[in-house]
Amino acid sequence: MAILDIAIVGFIVIFLASLLMFGEFLVRAKGIFGVISLLLFVLYFIHHLPNDSPVLMISLLVAGFILIVLDGKLINNGSVAILGLLLMMLACALPAPSWVYGLGVSAAFILGVCGSFLFLKVFPARAFWSKLTLMDQLSSEKGYNSINAEYKLLVGKIGKSITPFRPVGTIEVEGKQYSAITNGVWLERDQMIKVVSVDGTRIVIEAHQE
């Protein structure tokens, strides 16, 4: 497919592939996103590596994705996730026929990853993602009547982030630390925050501008 030699076509292919790959991870798409993403990546690698096996690049891609998942589930500081993203970008950029093409597909990959979060507004989130981002809400209707009233008093208060938020982390408000979550926004450590809502033990925060 000579059309893949055109930089803009490669940009579109990698954008869609990364968009659907991470979309499959975030929402319940019944595997459709995953299959299409895999086909697009394989098509891209086979075209640009006709005399070499694309297995190495696909392995690099998978390894990077695994690092991102591990960071989200276990480490939760963003460092391993960044390494994973770099590996995946490298896998896309290395087979490119020119450095311009490589920069283009790298940008397409990042845009696709960021765009995949929009699927959360349309499709139901996967169960494990809901747990990861503390979206399993505790409500009085479910019988959680022993909620600490102190949490309710946090709404509107100002504090700071103790850890980076990806998007879950720890905050400090009035000398006490709490687990909290943003609305999908990443925050850095020691950043001023404001508690915007509390639902059970789920504390939602946002960046605070003084």
C-alpha atoms as a PDB file:
ATOM      1  CA  MET A   1       0.000   0.000   0.000  1.00  0.00           C
ATOM      2  CA  ALA A   2       2.077   2.877  -1.339  1.00  0.00           C
ATOM      3  CA  ILE A   3      -0.418   5.315   0.138  1.00  0.00           C
ATOM      4  CA  LEU A   4       1.198   4.687   3.543  1.00  0.00           C
ATOM      5  CA  ASP A   5       4.340   6.379   2.231  1.00  0.00           C
ATOM      6  CA  ILE A   6       2.439   9.673   2.495  1.00  0.00           C
ATOM      7  CA  ALA A   7       3.129  11.292   5.860  1.00  0.00           C
ATOM      8  CA  ILE A   8      -0.427  12.516   6.433  1.00  0.00           C
ATOM      9  CA  VAL A   9      -1.788   9.018   5.833  1.00  0.00           C
ATOM     10  CA  GLY A  10       0.666   7.581   8.353  1.00  0.00           C
ATOM     11  CA  PHE A  11      -0.421  10.296  10.789  1.00  0.00           C
ATOM     12  CA  ILE A  12      -4.087   9.306  10.414  1.00  0.00           C
ATOM     13  CA  VAL A  13      -3.365   5.574  10.736  1.00  0.00           C
ATOM     14  CA  ILE A  14      -1.329   5.947  13.942  1.00  0.00           C
ATOM     15  CA  PHE A  15      -3.794   8.454  15.378  1.00  0.00           C
ATOM     16  CA  LEU A  16      -6.712   6.057  14.876  1.00  0.00           C
ATOM     17  CA  ALA A  17      -4.694   3.051  16.058  1.00  0.00           C
ATOM     18  CA  SER A  18      -3.642   4.692  19.344  1.00  0.00           C
ATOM     19  CA  LEU A  19      -7.074   6.274  19.835  1.00  0.00           C
ATOM     20  CA  LEU A  20      -8.791   2.897  19.557  1.00  0.00           C
ATOM     21  CA  MET A  21      -6.127   0.991  21.517  1.00  0.00           C
ATOM     22  CA  PHE A  22      -6.479   3.180  24.589  1.00  0.00           C
ATOM     23  CA  GLY A  23     -10.203   3.475  24.007  1.00  0.00           C
ATOM     24  CA  GLU A  24     -10.418  -0.314  24.299  1.00  0.00           C
ATOM     25  CA  PHE A  25      -8.567  -0.066  27.609  1.00  0.00           C
ATOM     26  CA  LEU A  26     -10.836   2.649  28.993  1.00  0.00           C
ATOM     27  CA  VAL A  27     -14.331   1.637  27.876  1.00  0.00           C
ATOM     28  CA  ARG A  28     -16.365  -1.464  27.155  1.00  0.00           C
ATOM     29  CA  ALA A  29     -16.173  -1.669  23.385  1.00  0.00           C
ATOM     30  CA  LYS A  30     -16.572  -5.470  23.168  1.00  0.00           C
ATOM     31  CA  GLY A  31     -13.127  -5.834  21.640  1.00  0.00           C
ATOM     32  CA  ILE A  32     -14.050  -3.960  18.471  1.00  0.00           C
ATOM     33  CA  PHE A  33     -11.694  -1.056  19.168  1.00  0.00           C
ATOM     34  CA  GLY A  34      -8.902  -3.456  20.045  1.00  0.00           C
ATOM     35  CA  VAL A  35      -9.230  -5.492  16.844  1.00  0.00           C
ATOM     36  CA  ILE A  36      -9.306  -2.426  14.593  1.00  0.00           C
ATOM     37  CA  SER A  37      -6.347  -0.904  16.440  1.00  0.00           C
ATOM     38  CA  LEU A  38      -4.307  -4.094  16.078  1.00  0.00           C
ATOM     39  CA  LEU A  39      -5.056  -4.300  12.350  1.00  0.00           C
ATOM     40  CA  LEU A  40      -3.996  -0.693  11.830  1.00  0.00           C
ATOM     41  CA  PHE A  41      -0.730  -1.145  13.722  1.00  0.00           C
ATOM     42  CA  VAL A  42       0.076  -4.400  11.890  1.00  0.00           C
ATOM     43  CA  LEU A  43      -0.691  -2.765   8.541  1.00  0.00           C
ATOM     44  CA  TYR A  44       1.605   0.139   9.393  1.00  0.00           C
ATOM     45  CA  PHE A  45       4.494  -2.047  10.545  1.00  0.00           C
ATOM     46  CA  ILE A  46       4.251  -4.556   7.699  1.00  0.00           C
ATOM     47  CA  HIS A  47       4.328  -1.755   5.130  1.00  0.00           C
ATOM     48  CA  HIS A  48       7.326   0.023   6.622  1.00  0.00           C
ATOM     49  CA  LEU A  49       9.221  -3.150   7.513  1.00  0.00           C
ATOM     50  CA  PRO A  50       8.736  -5.297   4.392  1.00  0.00           C
ATOM     51  CA  ASN A  51      12.085  -7.082   4.733  1.00  0.00           C
ATOM     52  CA  ASP A  52      12.095  -7.353   8.527  1.00  0.00           C
ATOM     53  CA  SER A  53       9.749  -8.925  10.973  1.00  0.00           C
ATOM     54  CA  PRO A  54       7.397  -6.372  12.571  1.00  0.00           C
ATOM     55  CA  VAL A  55       7.314  -8.547  15.701  1.00  0.00           C
ATOM     56  CA  LEU A  56      10.018  -6.471  17.425  1.00  0.00           C
ATOM     57  CA  MET A  57       8.134  -3.203  16.976  1.00  0.00           C
ATOM     58  CA  ILE A  58       4.830  -4.758  18.024  1.00  0.00           C
ATOM     59  CA  SER A  59       6.582  -6.206  21.098  1.00  0.00           C
ATOM     60  CA  LEU A  60       7.912  -2.738  21.914  1.00  0.00           C
ATOM     61  CA  LEU A  61       4.399  -1.380  21.554  1.00  0.00           C
ATOM     62  CA  VAL A  62       2.933  -4.036  23.851  1.00  0.00           C
ATOM     63  CA  ALA A  63       5.719  -3.600  26.417  1.00  0.00           C
ATOM     64  CA  GLY A  64       5.024   0.124  26.573  1.00  0.00           C
ATOM     65  CA  PHE A  65       1.311  -0.474  27.027  1.00  0.00           C
ATOM     66  CA  ILE A  66       1.986  -2.940  29.873  1.00  0.00           C
ATOM     67  CA  LEU A  67       4.164  -0.359  31.636  1.00  0.00           C
ATOM     68  CA  ILE A  68       1.330   2.176  31.462  1.00  0.00           C
ATOM     69  CA  VAL A  69      -1.124  -0.311  32.985  1.00  0.00           C
ATOM     70  CA  LEU A  70       1.351  -1.255  35.741  1.00  0.00           C
ATOM     71  CA  ASP A  71       1.881   2.397  36.622  1.00  0.00           C
ATOM     72  CA  GLY A  72      -1.843   2.997  36.864  1.00  0.00           C
ATOM     73  CA  LYS A  73      -2.517  -0.080  38.982  1.00  0.00           C
ATOM     74  CA  LEU A  74       0.571  -0.373  41.198  1.00  0.00           C
ATOM     75  CA  ILE A  75       3.060   2.491  41.073  1.00  0.00           C
ATOM     76  CA  ASN A  76       0.824   5.483  40.442  1.00  0.00           C
ATOM     77  CA  ASN A  77       3.499   8.162  40.104  1.00  0.00           C
ATOM     78  CA  GLY A  78       3.523   8.573  36.328  1.00  0.00           C
ATOM     79  CA  SER A  79       7.215   7.805  35.784  1.00  0.00           C
ATOM     80  CA  VAL A  80       6.705   4.283  34.463  1.00  0.00           C
ATOM     81  CA  ALA A  81       3.708   5.413  32.397  1.00  0.00           C
ATOM     82  CA  ILE A  82       5.873   8.051  30.711  1.00  0.00           C
ATOM     83  CA  LEU A  83       8.477   5.399  29.917  1.00  0.00           C
ATOM     84  CA  GLY A  84       5.727   3.222  28.457  1.00  0.00           C
ATOM     85  CA  LEU A  85       4.472   6.059  26.273  1.00  0.00           C
ATOM     86  CA  LEU A  86       7.996   6.737  25.042  1.00  0.00           C
ATOM     87  CA  LEU A  87       8.462   3.073  24.118  1.00  0.00           C
ATOM     88  CA  MET A  88       5.214   3.063  22.182  1.00  0.00           C
ATOM     89  CA  MET A  89       6.103   6.299  20.399  1.00  0.00           C
ATOM     90  CA  LEU A  90       9.508   4.853  19.557  1.00  0.00           C
ATOM     91  CA  ALA A  91       7.878   1.756  18.095  1.00  0.00           C
ATOM     92  CA  CYS A  92       5.811   3.973  15.793  1.00  0.00           C
ATOM     93  CA  ALA A  93       8.603   6.392  14.866  1.00  0.00           C
ATOM     94  CA  LEU A  94      11.490   3.983  14.170  1.00  0.00           C
ATOM     95  CA  PRO A  95       9.983   2.352  11.036  1.00  0.00           C
ATOM     96  CA  ALA A  96       9.151   5.773   9.536  1.00  0.00           C
ATOM     97  CA  PRO A  97      10.903   6.520   6.210  1.00  0.00           C
ATOM     98  CA  SER A  98      11.998  10.021   7.309  1.00  0.00           C
ATOM     99  CA  TRP A  99      12.407  12.079  10.469  1.00  0.00           C
ATOM    100  CA  VAL A 100       9.506  14.315   9.448  1.00  0.00           C
ATOM    101  CA  TYR A 101       7.301  11.256   9.045  1.00  0.00           C
ATOM    102  CA  GLY A 102       8.552   9.980  12.412  1.00  0.00           C
ATOM    103  CA  LEU A 103       7.726  13.232  14.201  1.00  0.00           C
ATOM    104  CA  GLY A 104       4.301  13.211  12.602  1.00  0.00           C
ATOM    105  CA  VAL A 105       3.379   9.715  13.760  1.00  0.00           C
ATOM    106  CA  SER A 106       4.778  10.455  17.238  1.00  0.00           C
ATOM    107  CA  ALA A 107       2.487  13.480  17.486  1.00  0.00           C
ATOM    108  CA  ALA A 108      -0.404  11.410  16.121  1.00  0.00           C
ATOM    109  CA  PHE A 109       0.181   8.789  18.807  1.00  0.00           C
ATOM    110  CA  ILE A 110       0.052  11.349  21.636  1.00  0.00           C
ATOM    111  CA  LEU A 111      -3.069  12.978  20.193  1.00  0.00           C
ATOM    112  CA  GLY A 112      -4.723   9.584  19.902  1.00  0.00           C
ATOM    113  CA  VAL A 113      -3.948   8.724  23.533  1.00  0.00           C
ATOM    114  CA  CYS A 114      -5.359  12.051  24.738  1.00  0.00           C
ATOM    115  CA  GLY A 115      -8.404  11.762  22.490  1.00  0.00           C
ATOM    116  CA  SER A 116      -9.236   8.290  23.807  1.00  0.00           C
ATOM    117  CA  PHE A 117     -10.435   9.802  27.102  1.00  0.00           C
ATOM    118  CA  LEU A 118     -13.343  11.328  25.206  1.00  0.00           C
ATOM    119  CA  PHE A 119     -14.753   7.813  24.853  1.00  0.00           C
ATOM    120  CA  LEU A 120     -15.527   7.945  28.586  1.00  0.00           C
ATOM    121  CA  LYS A 121     -18.200  10.540  27.813  1.00  0.00           C
ATOM    122  CA  VAL A 122     -19.924   8.231  25.320  1.00  0.00           C
ATOM    123  CA  PHE A 123     -19.296   4.611  26.350  1.00  0.00           C
ATOM    124  CA  PRO A 124     -19.524   2.910  29.766  1.00  0.00           C
ATOM    125  CA  ALA A 125     -16.149   2.692  31.511  1.00  0.00           C
ATOM    126  CA  ARG A 126     -14.579  -0.679  32.171  1.00  0.00           C
ATOM    127  CA  ALA A 127     -15.020  -2.008  35.700  1.00  0.00           C
ATOM    128  CA  PHE A 128     -11.311  -2.091  36.511  1.00  0.00           C
ATOM    129  CA  TRP A 129     -10.934   1.516  35.284  1.00  0.00           C
ATOM    130  CA  SER A 130     -13.747   2.553  37.599  1.00  0.00           C
ATOM    131  CA  LYS A 131     -11.925   0.965  40.514  1.00  0.00           C
ATOM    132  CA  LEU A 132      -8.632   2.523  39.477  1.00  0.00           C
ATOM    133  CA  THR A 133     -10.108   6.031  39.442  1.00  0.00           C
ATOM    134  CA  LEU A 134     -12.203   5.553  42.583  1.00  0.00           C
ATOM    135  CA  MET A 135     -15.445   5.812  40.677  1.00  0.00           C
ATOM    136  CA  ASP A 136     -17.117   3.103  42.739  1.00  0.00           C
ATOM    137  CA  GLN A 137     -19.253   5.588  44.667  1.00  0.00           C
ATOM    138  CA  LEU A 138     -20.449   4.919  48.183  1.00  0.00           C
ATOM    139  CA  SER A 139     -23.953   6.212  48.822  1.00  0.00           C
ATOM    140  CA  SER A 140     -26.367   6.016  51.696  1.00  0.00           C
ATOM    141  CA  GLU A 141     -28.816   4.122  49.456  1.00  0.00           C
ATOM    142  CA  LYS A 142     -26.270   1.285  49.294  1.00  0.00           C
ATOM    143  CA  GLY A 143     -26.117   1.120  53.046  1.00  0.00           C
ATOM    144  CA  TYR A 144     -22.915   3.063  53.627  1.00  0.00           C
ATOM    145  CA  ASN A 145     -24.231   5.088  56.546  1.00  0.00           C
ATOM    146  CA  SER A 146     -20.995   5.078  58.503  1.00  0.00           C
ATOM    147  CA  ILE A 147     -19.331   7.686  56.278  1.00  0.00           C
ATOM    148  CA  ASN A 148     -17.079  10.028  58.170  1.00  0.00           C
ATOM    149  CA  ALA A 149     -18.864  13.386  58.411  1.00  0.00           C
ATOM    150  CA  GLU A 150     -15.455  15.040  58.250  1.00  0.00           C
ATOM    151  CA  TYR A 151     -15.320  14.277  54.513  1.00  0.00           C
ATOM    152  CA  LYS A 152     -18.492  16.287  53.904  1.00  0.00           C
ATOM    153  CA  LEU A 153     -16.873  19.308  55.528  1.00  0.00           C
ATOM    154  CA  LEU A 154     -13.987  19.229  53.059  1.00  0.00           C
ATOM    155  CA  VAL A 155     -16.051  20.619  50.174  1.00  0.00           C
ATOM    156  CA  GLY A 156     -14.773  24.063  49.226  1.00  0.00           C
ATOM    157  CA  LYS A 157     -11.598  23.819  51.297  1.00  0.00           C
ATOM    158  CA  ILE A 158      -8.142  24.535  49.910  1.00  0.00           C
ATOM    159  CA  GLY A 159      -5.167  22.221  50.287  1.00  0.00           C
ATOM    160  CA  LYS A 160      -2.243  20.872  48.319  1.00  0.00           C
ATOM    161  CA  SER A 161      -1.342  17.684  46.473  1.00  0.00           C
ATOM    162  CA  ILE A 162       1.099  15.441  48.324  1.00  0.00           C
ATOM    163  CA  THR A 163       1.613  13.123  45.361  1.00  0.00           C
ATOM    164  CA  PRO A 164       1.194  13.536  41.592  1.00  0.00           C
ATOM    165  CA  PHE A 165      -2.354  12.842  40.379  1.00  0.00           C
ATOM    166  CA  ARG A 166      -2.655  10.380  37.456  1.00  0.00           C
ATOM    167  CA  PRO A 167      -5.583  11.077  38.113  1.00  0.00           C
ATOM    168  CA  VAL A 168      -5.607   9.539  41.632  1.00  0.00           C
ATOM    169  CA  GLY A 169      -3.370  10.732  44.429  1.00  0.00           C
ATOM    170  CA  THR A 170      -3.120  12.103  47.963  1.00  0.00           C
ATOM    171  CA  ILE A 171      -3.964  15.576  49.212  1.00  0.00           C
ATOM    172  CA  GLU A 172      -3.364  17.440  52.439  1.00  0.00           C
ATOM    173  CA  VAL A 173      -6.070  19.678  53.862  1.00  0.00           C
ATOM    174  CA  GLU A 174      -5.661  21.408  57.209  1.00  0.00           C
ATOM    175  CA  GLY A 175      -2.802  19.110  58.169  1.00  0.00           C
ATOM    176  CA  LYS A 176      -4.614  15.858  57.327  1.00  0.00           C
ATOM    177  CA  GLN A 177      -4.078  13.616  54.309  1.00  0.00           C
ATOM    178  CA  TYR A 178      -6.818  12.116  52.135  1.00  0.00           C
ATOM    179  CA  SER A 179      -7.013  10.003  48.987  1.00  0.00           C
ATOM    180  CA  ALA A 180      -8.651  11.949  46.183  1.00  0.00           C
ATOM    181  CA  ILE A 181      -9.253  12.055  42.447  1.00  0.00           C
ATOM    182  CA  THR A 182      -9.447  14.712  39.738  1.00  0.00           C
ATOM    183  CA  ASN A 183     -11.915  14.768  36.850  1.00  0.00           C
ATOM    184  CA  GLY A 184      -9.373  13.129  34.558  1.00  0.00           C
ATOM    185  CA  VAL A 185      -6.811  15.959  34.900  1.00  0.00           C
ATOM    186  CA  TRP A 186      -3.208  15.208  35.845  1.00  0.00           C
ATOM    187  CA  LEU A 187      -1.727  17.369  38.609  1.00  0.00           C
ATOM    188  CA  GLU A 188       1.792  17.657  39.932  1.00  0.00           C
ATOM    189  CA  ARG A 189       3.010  17.342  43.505  1.00  0.00           C
ATOM    190  CA  ASP A 190       2.786  20.395  45.821  1.00  0.00           C
ATOM    191  CA  GLN A 191       0.105  22.023  43.675  1.00  0.00           C
ATOM    192  CA  MET A 192      -2.687  23.999  45.329  1.00  0.00           C
ATOM    193  CA  ILE A 193      -6.046  22.237  45.070  1.00  0.00           C
ATOM    194  CA  LYS A 194      -9.680  22.776  45.985  1.00  0.00           C
ATOM    195  CA  VAL A 195     -12.155  20.098  47.053  1.00  0.00           C
ATOM    196  CA  VAL A 196     -15.147  20.402  44.721  1.00  0.00           C
ATOM    197  CA  SER A 197     -17.290  17.458  45.820  1.00  0.00           C
ATOM    198  CA  VAL A 198     -17.482  14.483  48.157  1.00  0.00           C
ATOM    199  CA  ASP A 199     -19.513  11.329  47.583  1.00  0.00           C
ATOM    200  CA  GLY A 200     -18.984   8.824  50.356  1.00  0.00           C
ATOM    201  CA  THR A 201     -15.215   8.423  50.569  1.00  0.00           C
ATOM    202  CA  ARG A 202     -14.693   9.705  47.013  1.00  0.00           C
ATOM    203  CA  ILE A 203     -13.132  13.148  47.183  1.00  0.00           C
ATOM    204  CA  VAL A 204     -13.013  15.073  43.890  1.00  0.00           C
ATOM    205  CA  ILE A 205     -10.572  17.951  43.556  1.00  0.00           C
ATOM    206  CA  GLU A 206      -9.430  20.498  40.983  1.00  0.00           C
ATOM    207  CA  ALA A 207      -6.437  22.796  40.642  1.00  0.00           C
ATOM    208  CA  HIS A 208      -6.831  25.999  42.626  1.00  0.00           C
ATOM    209  CA  GLN A 209      -5.672  29.310  41.202  1.00  0.00           C
ATOM    210  CA  GLU A 210      -4.958  31.914  43.847  1.00  0.00           C
END
